[in-house]
Amino acid sequence: MIPPLHASNHFTFLQDQQYRDVGEGSVLLLLHGFCESHLIFEDLLPTLASHCRVICPDMPGHGGLAWNAAWRSLDDAACWLRDLLDALGIECCILVGHSLGGYVAAAFAAAFPERLLGLGMLHSTALADAPERRDLRTKAMQFVTDHGKEPFLKAFVLGLFHDPKQEWLEALTVLTAQTDTAAIVALTRIMRDRPDHRPAIRRLQVPVMYIIGGHDALVTPERSRLELQDLQIALLHRIPEASHMGMYETPDKVIGAILSLVDVAG
C-alpha cells in the first residue's frame, strides 16, 4: 500500500485538484463518471449540503484538468482518492460514485475499507466487464486514436439516455468536451481491464447502496441485482423511469436515495 501524503505536501497536492466542498457534518464524497465532471451533481448540491458536507472532485483529465499518465489501473485512482482525503484532513467518508466513479469507489473499498462509512453505486457496478463489453472498449480506444474525441463524445452522450431532453444533451456536450483525449483512451483501457471487486464489497461492514435505472442499457438492473447477494447491509433504489443519468432525469429520487445512505451510514 502506498503511504499517505506527508503533511507538508498537502497544499501542493490540493493546488492541482479541482473540487466543490460545501456544507457541514458527515462527509459525502460524490465521484463523477467517465468524461464527466463534478458539474453533473450541481443540481443535487443545495439539498445534499443542507444535510452533510459534500465534496465533489474532478478526476484527472476531466473538467479541463490535465490527464495524469501515472494512472495505470483503478488501484492508482483509489490511491489518488485516498491522497485527496488525506490532503483535506478527512479520515472517513460516505463515498458515492457514478459509473466510472463507482468503479473507482469499488477499488477504494477494496484497498481502504477502513476509510468508508458507506458506499453508493450510482448507475455503476463492481463486476468486471463481460467479454463483449471488453471488445467494445478496445474498438472505442482505436476509434478515438484514429478519429479524435469529438465524434466519440457525440455518440457517447446520446448513449447515456433512454429519452433525453435537448438541454441535457447540450449541457453534457459542453461538459464532456473538456475531457482530455489521452484520458479517454487510458481510462477506457483501465475500465476494460478492471477486476471483479464483488468480493471486497461483500466484506464491507458498512451500508452499501445501489441506485439502478429501469432503462439503463449500460448497467442493467439484472446485473445490479447479482451484486446485492450476500452484502452485509444493502440498500436498493430502483428508478423505473431513469436510464444512466438519474441526476438529470430524476434528481429528486437520486437525492432521496443518497440521503437514505447518509442517514444509515452517518
C-alpha atoms as a PDB file:
ATOM      1  CA  MET A   1       0.000   0.000   0.000  1.00  0.00           C
ATOM      2  CA  ILE A   2       1.310   3.459  -0.892  1.00  0.00           C
ATOM      3  CA  PRO A   3       1.882   5.550   2.278  1.00  0.00           C
ATOM      4  CA  PRO A   4      -0.323   8.625   2.822  1.00  0.00           C
ATOM      5  CA  LEU A   5       0.783  12.073   1.764  1.00  0.00           C
ATOM      6  CA  HIS A   6       3.148  13.821   4.132  1.00  0.00           C
ATOM      7  CA  ALA A   7       1.529  16.858   5.724  1.00  0.00           C
ATOM      8  CA  SER A   8       3.955  19.254   4.026  1.00  0.00           C
ATOM      9  CA  ASN A   9       2.782  18.012   0.631  1.00  0.00           C
ATOM     10  CA  HIS A  10      -0.940  18.557   1.245  1.00  0.00           C
ATOM     11  CA  PHE A  11      -1.071  22.119  -0.041  1.00  0.00           C
ATOM     12  CA  THR A  12       0.915  21.318  -3.179  1.00  0.00           C
ATOM     13  CA  PHE A  13      -1.338  18.350  -3.893  1.00  0.00           C
ATOM     14  CA  LEU A  14      -4.532  20.396  -3.497  1.00  0.00           C
ATOM     15  CA  GLN A  15      -3.214  23.090  -5.848  1.00  0.00           C
ATOM     16  CA  ASP A  16      -3.506  20.564  -8.664  1.00  0.00           C
ATOM     17  CA  GLN A  17      -7.050  19.493  -7.739  1.00  0.00           C
ATOM     18  CA  GLN A  18     -10.452  20.877  -8.712  1.00  0.00           C
ATOM     19  CA  TYR A  19     -13.409  20.235  -6.422  1.00  0.00           C
ATOM     20  CA  ARG A  20     -16.507  21.598  -4.690  1.00  0.00           C
ATOM     21  CA  ASP A  21     -16.667  21.481  -0.894  1.00  0.00           C
ATOM     22  CA  VAL A  22     -19.969  22.646   0.610  1.00  0.00           C
ATOM     23  CA  GLY A  23     -21.976  22.030   3.772  1.00  0.00           C
ATOM     24  CA  GLU A  24     -21.084  20.677   7.195  1.00  0.00           C
ATOM     25  CA  GLY A  25     -21.245  17.404   9.074  1.00  0.00           C
ATOM     26  CA  SER A  26     -20.581  13.867   7.907  1.00  0.00           C
ATOM     27  CA  VAL A  27     -18.564  13.829   4.679  1.00  0.00           C
ATOM     28  CA  LEU A  28     -20.299  12.692   1.499  1.00  0.00           C
ATOM     29  CA  LEU A  29     -17.919  12.424  -1.446  1.00  0.00           C
ATOM     30  CA  LEU A  30     -19.530  12.276  -4.891  1.00  0.00           C
ATOM     31  CA  LEU A  31     -17.359  10.980  -7.707  1.00  0.00           C
ATOM     32  CA  HIS A  32     -18.379  11.646 -11.315  1.00  0.00           C
ATOM     33  CA  GLY A  33     -18.230   9.214 -14.213  1.00  0.00           C
ATOM     34  CA  PHE A  34     -16.284   8.833 -17.448  1.00  0.00           C
ATOM     35  CA  CYS A  35     -15.937  12.053 -19.496  1.00  0.00           C
ATOM     36  CA  GLU A  36     -17.980  13.969 -16.904  1.00  0.00           C
ATOM     37  CA  SER A  37     -17.039  16.361 -14.088  1.00  0.00           C
ATOM     38  CA  HIS A  38     -18.332  17.436 -10.696  1.00  0.00           C
ATOM     39  CA  LEU A  39     -20.921  19.554 -12.545  1.00  0.00           C
ATOM     40  CA  ILE A  40     -23.177  16.522 -13.050  1.00  0.00           C
ATOM     41  CA  PHE A  41     -24.020  16.821  -9.345  1.00  0.00           C
ATOM     42  CA  GLU A  42     -24.562  20.596  -9.354  1.00  0.00           C
ATOM     43  CA  ASP A  43     -28.367  20.459  -9.070  1.00  0.00           C
ATOM     44  CA  LEU A  44     -28.158  17.998  -6.176  1.00  0.00           C
ATOM     45  CA  LEU A  45     -25.790  20.029  -4.035  1.00  0.00           C
ATOM     46  CA  PRO A  46     -28.153  22.553  -2.387  1.00  0.00           C
ATOM     47  CA  THR A  47     -30.290  19.830  -0.825  1.00  0.00           C
ATOM     48  CA  LEU A  48     -27.462  17.427  -0.036  1.00  0.00           C
ATOM     49  CA  ALA A  49     -25.322  20.170   1.512  1.00  0.00           C
ATOM     50  CA  SER A  50     -28.126  21.018   3.938  1.00  0.00           C
ATOM     51  CA  HIS A  51     -27.677  17.544   5.454  1.00  0.00           C
ATOM     52  CA  CYS A  52     -23.910  16.933   5.300  1.00  0.00           C
ATOM     53  CA  ARG A  53     -20.568  18.145   3.982  1.00  0.00           C
ATOM     54  CA  VAL A  54     -20.415  17.347   0.268  1.00  0.00           C
ATOM     55  CA  ILE A  55     -17.153  17.104  -1.664  1.00  0.00           C
ATOM     56  CA  CYS A  56     -17.206  16.717  -5.460  1.00  0.00           C
ATOM     57  CA  PRO A  57     -13.754  16.401  -7.057  1.00  0.00           C
ATOM     58  CA  ASP A  58     -12.848  16.250 -10.718  1.00  0.00           C
ATOM     59  CA  MET A  59     -10.713  13.278 -11.679  1.00  0.00           C
ATOM     60  CA  PRO A  60      -7.549  13.986 -13.697  1.00  0.00           C
ATOM     61  CA  GLY A  61      -8.287  14.558 -17.367  1.00  0.00           C
ATOM     62  CA  HIS A  62     -11.810  15.821 -16.655  1.00  0.00           C
ATOM     63  CA  GLY A  63     -13.290  19.285 -16.250  1.00  0.00           C
ATOM     64  CA  GLY A  64     -10.373  20.840 -18.108  1.00  0.00           C
ATOM     65  CA  LEU A  65      -7.729  19.235 -15.875  1.00  0.00           C
ATOM     66  CA  ALA A  66      -4.656  17.603 -17.380  1.00  0.00           C
ATOM     67  CA  TRP A  67      -4.547  13.815 -17.504  1.00  0.00           C
ATOM     68  CA  ASN A  68      -2.237  12.014 -15.061  1.00  0.00           C
ATOM     69  CA  ALA A  69      -0.368   9.369 -17.067  1.00  0.00           C
ATOM     70  CA  ALA A  70       0.704   7.706 -13.800  1.00  0.00           C
ATOM     71  CA  TRP A  71      -2.817   6.240 -13.583  1.00  0.00           C
ATOM     72  CA  ARG A  72      -2.445   2.706 -14.937  1.00  0.00           C
ATOM     73  CA  SER A  73      -5.236   0.949 -13.025  1.00  0.00           C
ATOM     74  CA  LEU A  74      -8.146   1.556 -10.683  1.00  0.00           C
ATOM     75  CA  ASP A  75      -5.733   0.998  -7.804  1.00  0.00           C
ATOM     76  CA  ASP A  76      -3.950   4.212  -8.841  1.00  0.00           C
ATOM     77  CA  ALA A  77      -7.302   6.020  -8.889  1.00  0.00           C
ATOM     78  CA  ALA A  78      -8.069   4.670  -5.399  1.00  0.00           C
ATOM     79  CA  CYS A  79      -4.732   5.996  -4.128  1.00  0.00           C
ATOM     80  CA  TRP A  80      -5.455   9.402  -5.670  1.00  0.00           C
ATOM     81  CA  LEU A  81      -8.752   9.467  -3.796  1.00  0.00           C
ATOM     82  CA  ARG A  82      -7.011   8.423  -0.580  1.00  0.00           C
ATOM     83  CA  ASP A  83      -4.496  11.239  -1.066  1.00  0.00           C
ATOM     84  CA  LEU A  84      -7.306  13.737  -1.636  1.00  0.00           C
ATOM     85  CA  LEU A  85      -8.981  12.736   1.620  1.00  0.00           C
ATOM     86  CA  ASP A  86      -5.637  12.975   3.428  1.00  0.00           C
ATOM     87  CA  ALA A  87      -4.954  16.428   1.998  1.00  0.00           C
ATOM     88  CA  LEU A  88      -8.403  17.602   3.127  1.00  0.00           C
ATOM     89  CA  GLY A  89      -7.879  16.127   6.597  1.00  0.00           C
ATOM     90  CA  ILE A  90     -10.754  13.652   6.211  1.00  0.00           C
ATOM     91  CA  GLU A  91     -10.398  10.252   7.842  1.00  0.00           C
ATOM     92  CA  CYS A  92     -13.640   8.597   6.690  1.00  0.00           C
ATOM     93  CA  CYS A  93     -16.403   9.388   4.226  1.00  0.00           C
ATOM     94  CA  ILE A  94     -19.577   8.157   2.616  1.00  0.00           C
ATOM     95  CA  LEU A  95     -18.499   7.525  -0.974  1.00  0.00           C
ATOM     96  CA  VAL A  96     -20.934   7.569  -3.912  1.00  0.00           C
ATOM     97  CA  GLY A  97     -19.637   7.031  -7.444  1.00  0.00           C
ATOM     98  CA  HIS A  98     -21.425   7.392 -10.752  1.00  0.00           C
ATOM     99  CA  SER A  99     -20.483   4.861 -13.463  1.00  0.00           C
ATOM    100  CA  LEU A 100     -16.644   5.077 -13.684  1.00  0.00           C
ATOM    101  CA  GLY A 101     -16.787   6.832 -10.319  1.00  0.00           C
ATOM    102  CA  GLY A 102     -18.388   3.679  -8.945  1.00  0.00           C
ATOM    103  CA  TYR A 103     -15.564   1.567 -10.371  1.00  0.00           C
ATOM    104  CA  VAL A 104     -13.102   3.812  -8.527  1.00  0.00           C
ATOM    105  CA  ALA A 105     -15.242   3.639  -5.379  1.00  0.00           C
ATOM    106  CA  ALA A 106     -15.198  -0.157  -5.510  1.00  0.00           C
ATOM    107  CA  ALA A 107     -11.404  -0.157  -5.891  1.00  0.00           C
ATOM    108  CA  PHE A 108     -11.175   2.260  -2.955  1.00  0.00           C
ATOM    109  CA  ALA A 109     -13.357  -0.081  -0.903  1.00  0.00           C
ATOM    110  CA  ALA A 110     -11.009  -2.953  -1.711  1.00  0.00           C
ATOM    111  CA  ALA A 111      -7.863  -1.001  -0.799  1.00  0.00           C
ATOM    112  CA  PHE A 112      -9.041   1.213   2.050  1.00  0.00           C
ATOM    113  CA  PRO A 113     -12.216  -0.242   3.614  1.00  0.00           C
ATOM    114  CA  GLU A 114     -11.417   1.395   6.948  1.00  0.00           C
ATOM    115  CA  ARG A 115     -11.900   4.835   5.331  1.00  0.00           C
ATOM    116  CA  LEU A 116     -15.553   4.171   4.416  1.00  0.00           C
ATOM    117  CA  LEU A 117     -18.709   4.943   6.371  1.00  0.00           C
ATOM    118  CA  GLY A 118     -20.891   3.864   3.450  1.00  0.00           C
ATOM    119  CA  LEU A 119     -20.635   3.067  -0.242  1.00  0.00           C
ATOM    120  CA  GLY A 120     -23.025   4.084  -3.011  1.00  0.00           C
ATOM    121  CA  MET A 121     -23.011   2.732  -6.566  1.00  0.00           C
ATOM    122  CA  LEU A 122     -24.921   5.195  -8.751  1.00  0.00           C
ATOM    123  CA  HIS A 123     -25.654   3.512 -12.095  1.00  0.00           C
ATOM    124  CA  SER A 124     -22.455   1.543 -11.592  1.00  0.00           C
ATOM    125  CA  THR A 125     -21.165  -1.954 -10.909  1.00  0.00           C
ATOM    126  CA  ALA A 126     -18.429  -3.797  -9.029  1.00  0.00           C
ATOM    127  CA  LEU A 127     -18.384  -6.510 -11.696  1.00  0.00           C
ATOM    128  CA  ALA A 128     -15.666  -6.772 -14.321  1.00  0.00           C
ATOM    129  CA  ASP A 129     -16.563  -6.185 -17.947  1.00  0.00           C
ATOM    130  CA  ALA A 130     -18.195  -9.029 -19.856  1.00  0.00           C
ATOM    131  CA  PRO A 131     -16.159 -10.209 -22.895  1.00  0.00           C
ATOM    132  CA  GLU A 132     -18.390  -8.392 -25.403  1.00  0.00           C
ATOM    133  CA  ARG A 133     -18.073  -5.172 -23.420  1.00  0.00           C
ATOM    134  CA  ARG A 134     -14.293  -5.535 -23.362  1.00  0.00           C
ATOM    135  CA  ASP A 135     -14.315  -5.851 -27.142  1.00  0.00           C
ATOM    136  CA  LEU A 136     -16.373  -2.669 -27.476  1.00  0.00           C
ATOM    137  CA  ARG A 137     -13.946  -0.758 -25.288  1.00  0.00           C
ATOM    138  CA  THR A 138     -10.988  -1.931 -27.371  1.00  0.00           C
ATOM    139  CA  LYS A 139     -12.750  -0.689 -30.501  1.00  0.00           C
ATOM    140  CA  ALA A 140     -13.553   2.621 -28.792  1.00  0.00           C
ATOM    141  CA  MET A 141      -9.899   3.156 -27.920  1.00  0.00           C
ATOM    142  CA  GLN A 142      -8.915   2.625 -31.542  1.00  0.00           C
ATOM    143  CA  PHE A 143     -11.706   4.897 -32.781  1.00  0.00           C
ATOM    144  CA  VAL A 144     -10.604   7.790 -30.557  1.00  0.00           C
ATOM    145  CA  THR A 145      -6.979   7.240 -31.577  1.00  0.00           C
ATOM    146  CA  ASP A 146      -7.931   7.322 -35.269  1.00  0.00           C
ATOM    147  CA  HIS A 147     -10.645   9.989 -35.315  1.00  0.00           C
ATOM    148  CA  GLY A 148     -10.233  12.108 -32.173  1.00  0.00           C
ATOM    149  CA  LYS A 149     -12.603  12.630 -29.291  1.00  0.00           C
ATOM    150  CA  GLU A 150     -15.348  14.748 -30.922  1.00  0.00           C
ATOM    151  CA  PRO A 151     -17.218  12.029 -32.883  1.00  0.00           C
ATOM    152  CA  PHE A 152     -16.738   9.599 -29.999  1.00  0.00           C
ATOM    153  CA  LEU A 153     -18.221  12.004 -27.448  1.00  0.00           C
ATOM    154  CA  LYS A 154     -21.225  12.792 -29.648  1.00  0.00           C
ATOM    155  CA  ALA A 155     -22.236   9.133 -29.709  1.00  0.00           C
ATOM    156  CA  PHE A 156     -21.248   8.679 -26.066  1.00  0.00           C
ATOM    157  CA  VAL A 157     -23.572  11.424 -24.802  1.00  0.00           C
ATOM    158  CA  LEU A 158     -26.536  10.074 -26.769  1.00  0.00           C
ATOM    159  CA  GLY A 159     -25.957   6.608 -25.330  1.00  0.00           C
ATOM    160  CA  LEU A 160     -26.316   7.834 -21.748  1.00  0.00           C
ATOM    161  CA  PHE A 161     -30.074   8.380 -22.032  1.00  0.00           C
ATOM    162  CA  HIS A 162     -33.210   6.465 -22.931  1.00  0.00           C
ATOM    163  CA  ASP A 163     -35.339   9.535 -23.703  1.00  0.00           C
ATOM    164  CA  PRO A 164     -33.126  12.636 -23.457  1.00  0.00           C
ATOM    165  CA  LYS A 165     -34.204  16.249 -23.287  1.00  0.00           C
ATOM    166  CA  GLN A 166     -32.349  18.599 -25.587  1.00  0.00           C
ATOM    167  CA  GLU A 167     -31.000  20.680 -22.690  1.00  0.00           C
ATOM    168  CA  TRP A 168     -29.419  17.581 -21.135  1.00  0.00           C
ATOM    169  CA  LEU A 169     -27.648  16.738 -24.379  1.00  0.00           C
ATOM    170  CA  GLU A 170     -26.453  20.299 -24.804  1.00  0.00           C
ATOM    171  CA  ALA A 171     -25.160  20.543 -21.232  1.00  0.00           C
ATOM    172  CA  LEU A 172     -23.314  17.241 -21.442  1.00  0.00           C
ATOM    173  CA  THR A 173     -21.890  18.068 -24.863  1.00  0.00           C
ATOM    174  CA  VAL A 174     -20.229  21.152 -23.369  1.00  0.00           C
ATOM    175  CA  LEU A 175     -19.154  19.294 -20.220  1.00  0.00           C
ATOM    176  CA  THR A 176     -17.692  16.224 -21.921  1.00  0.00           C
ATOM    177  CA  ALA A 177     -15.774  18.359 -24.438  1.00  0.00           C
ATOM    178  CA  GLN A 178     -13.451  19.343 -21.560  1.00  0.00           C
ATOM    179  CA  THR A 179     -12.207  15.749 -21.235  1.00  0.00           C
ATOM    180  CA  ASP A 180      -8.582  15.175 -22.225  1.00  0.00           C
ATOM    181  CA  THR A 181      -8.224  12.837 -25.224  1.00  0.00           C
ATOM    182  CA  ALA A 182      -5.422  10.892 -23.527  1.00  0.00           C
ATOM    183  CA  ALA A 183      -7.692  10.381 -20.520  1.00  0.00           C
ATOM    184  CA  ILE A 184     -10.434   8.934 -22.727  1.00  0.00           C
ATOM    185  CA  VAL A 185      -8.094   6.341 -24.221  1.00  0.00           C
ATOM    186  CA  ALA A 186      -6.306   5.467 -20.967  1.00  0.00           C
ATOM    187  CA  LEU A 187      -9.449   5.220 -18.864  1.00  0.00           C
ATOM    188  CA  THR A 188     -11.193   3.117 -21.478  1.00  0.00           C
ATOM    189  CA  ARG A 189      -8.329   0.643 -21.156  1.00  0.00           C
ATOM    190  CA  ILE A 190      -8.461   0.828 -17.341  1.00  0.00           C
ATOM    191  CA  MET A 191     -12.207   0.160 -17.374  1.00  0.00           C
ATOM    192  CA  ARG A 192     -11.763  -2.712 -19.832  1.00  0.00           C
ATOM    193  CA  ASP A 193      -9.123  -4.378 -17.677  1.00  0.00           C
ATOM    194  CA  ARG A 194     -10.634  -3.777 -14.241  1.00  0.00           C
ATOM    195  CA  PRO A 195     -11.088  -6.782 -11.917  1.00  0.00           C
ATOM    196  CA  ASP A 196     -14.240  -8.045 -10.248  1.00  0.00           C
ATOM    197  CA  HIS A 197     -14.480  -6.153  -6.953  1.00  0.00           C
ATOM    198  CA  ARG A 198     -17.524  -8.003  -5.621  1.00  0.00           C
ATOM    199  CA  PRO A 199     -15.510  -9.989  -3.036  1.00  0.00           C
ATOM    200  CA  ALA A 200     -14.230  -6.749  -1.498  1.00  0.00           C
ATOM    201  CA  ILE A 201     -17.714  -5.204  -1.480  1.00  0.00           C
ATOM    202  CA  ARG A 202     -19.125  -8.274   0.249  1.00  0.00           C
ATOM    203  CA  ARG A 203     -16.548  -7.951   3.025  1.00  0.00           C
ATOM    204  CA  LEU A 204     -17.585  -4.393   3.874  1.00  0.00           C
ATOM    205  CA  GLN A 205     -19.150  -3.886   7.286  1.00  0.00           C
ATOM    206  CA  VAL A 206     -20.798  -0.611   6.231  1.00  0.00           C
ATOM    207  CA  PRO A 207     -24.001   0.085   4.262  1.00  0.00           C
ATOM    208  CA  VAL A 208     -23.783  -0.445   0.503  1.00  0.00           C
ATOM    209  CA  MET A 209     -26.381   1.187  -1.734  1.00  0.00           C
ATOM    210  CA  TYR A 210     -27.187   0.628  -5.399  1.00  0.00           C
ATOM    211  CA  ILE A 211     -29.190   3.134  -7.450  1.00  0.00           C
ATOM    212  CA  ILE A 212     -30.329   1.495 -10.683  1.00  0.00           C
ATOM    213  CA  GLY A 213     -32.270   2.850 -13.651  1.00  0.00           C
ATOM    214  CA  GLY A 214     -35.017   0.808 -15.223  1.00  0.00           C
ATOM    215  CA  HIS A 215     -33.886   1.909 -18.701  1.00  0.00           C
ATOM    216  CA  ASP A 216     -30.127   1.751 -18.082  1.00  0.00           C
ATOM    217  CA  ALA A 217     -28.566  -0.048 -21.045  1.00  0.00           C
ATOM    218  CA  LEU A 218     -25.030   0.295 -19.657  1.00  0.00           C
ATOM    219  CA  VAL A 219     -25.597  -1.113 -16.154  1.00  0.00           C
ATOM    220  CA  THR A 220     -28.745  -3.219 -16.313  1.00  0.00           C
ATOM    221  CA  PRO A 221     -30.997  -3.828 -13.284  1.00  0.00           C
ATOM    222  CA  GLU A 222     -30.422  -7.565 -13.681  1.00  0.00           C
ATOM    223  CA  ARG A 223     -26.648  -7.065 -13.454  1.00  0.00           C
ATOM    224  CA  SER A 224     -27.005  -4.916 -10.338  1.00  0.00           C
ATOM    225  CA  ARG A 225     -29.198  -7.450  -8.547  1.00  0.00           C
ATOM    226  CA  LEU A 226     -26.391 -10.007  -8.815  1.00  0.00           C
ATOM    227  CA  GLU A 227     -24.246  -7.755  -6.673  1.00  0.00           C
ATOM    228  CA  LEU A 228     -26.780  -7.363  -3.872  1.00  0.00           C
ATOM    229  CA  GLN A 229     -26.417 -11.008  -2.891  1.00  0.00           C
ATOM    230  CA  ASP A 230     -24.536 -11.661   0.350  1.00  0.00           C
ATOM    231  CA  LEU A 231     -23.998  -7.984   1.210  1.00  0.00           C
ATOM    232  CA  GLN A 232     -23.823  -7.242   4.936  1.00  0.00           C
ATOM    233  CA  ILE A 233     -26.055  -4.131   4.800  1.00  0.00           C
ATOM    234  CA  ALA A 234     -27.708  -3.482   1.435  1.00  0.00           C
ATOM    235  CA  LEU A 235     -29.950  -0.715   0.147  1.00  0.00           C
ATOM    236  CA  LEU A 236     -31.530  -0.824  -3.317  1.00  0.00           C
ATOM    237  CA  HIS A 237     -33.212   2.073  -5.089  1.00  0.00           C
ATOM    238  CA  ARG A 238     -34.688   1.187  -8.467  1.00  0.00           C
ATOM    239  CA  ILE A 239     -35.864   4.179 -10.500  1.00  0.00           C
ATOM    240  CA  PRO A 240     -38.016   2.784 -13.337  1.00  0.00           C
ATOM    241  CA  GLU A 241     -38.038   5.933 -15.473  1.00  0.00           C
ATOM    242  CA  ALA A 242     -34.274   6.595 -15.261  1.00  0.00           C
ATOM    243  CA  SER A 243     -31.555   5.315 -17.557  1.00  0.00           C
ATOM    244  CA  HIS A 244     -27.848   6.005 -16.842  1.00  0.00           C
ATOM    245  CA  MET A 245     -28.186   9.647 -15.782  1.00  0.00           C
ATOM    246  CA  GLY A 246     -30.623   9.777 -12.891  1.00  0.00           C
ATOM    247  CA  MET A 247     -29.010  13.031 -11.719  1.00  0.00           C
ATOM    248  CA  TYR A 248     -30.611  14.693 -14.762  1.00  0.00           C
ATOM    249  CA  GLU A 249     -33.672  12.500 -15.300  1.00  0.00           C
ATOM    250  CA  THR A 250     -34.925  12.083 -11.709  1.00  0.00           C
ATOM    251  CA  PRO A 251     -32.845  14.345  -9.448  1.00  0.00           C
ATOM    252  CA  ASP A 252     -35.291  14.272  -6.527  1.00  0.00           C
ATOM    253  CA  LYS A 253     -35.241  10.471  -6.425  1.00  0.00           C
ATOM    254  CA  VAL A 254     -31.461  10.348  -6.608  1.00  0.00           C
ATOM    255  CA  ILE A 255     -31.241  12.900  -3.794  1.00  0.00           C
ATOM    256  CA  GLY A 256     -33.634  10.838  -1.709  1.00  0.00           C
ATOM    257  CA  ALA A 257     -31.653   7.664  -2.317  1.00  0.00           C
ATOM    258  CA  ILE A 258     -28.335   9.287  -1.418  1.00  0.00           C
ATOM    259  CA  LEU A 259     -29.808  10.794   1.736  1.00  0.00           C
ATOM    260  CA  SER A 260     -31.091   7.375   2.763  1.00  0.00           C
ATOM    261  CA  LEU A 261     -27.477   6.168   2.669  1.00  0.00           C
ATOM    262  CA  VAL A 262     -26.327   9.221   4.614  1.00  0.00           C
ATOM    263  CA  ASP A 263     -28.991   8.549   7.257  1.00  0.00           C
ATOM    264  CA  VAL A 264     -27.932   4.918   7.690  1.00  0.00           C
ATOM    265  CA  ALA A 265     -24.182   5.490   7.448  1.00  0.00           C
ATOM    266  CA  GLY A 266     -23.719   8.895   9.032  1.00  0.00           C
END
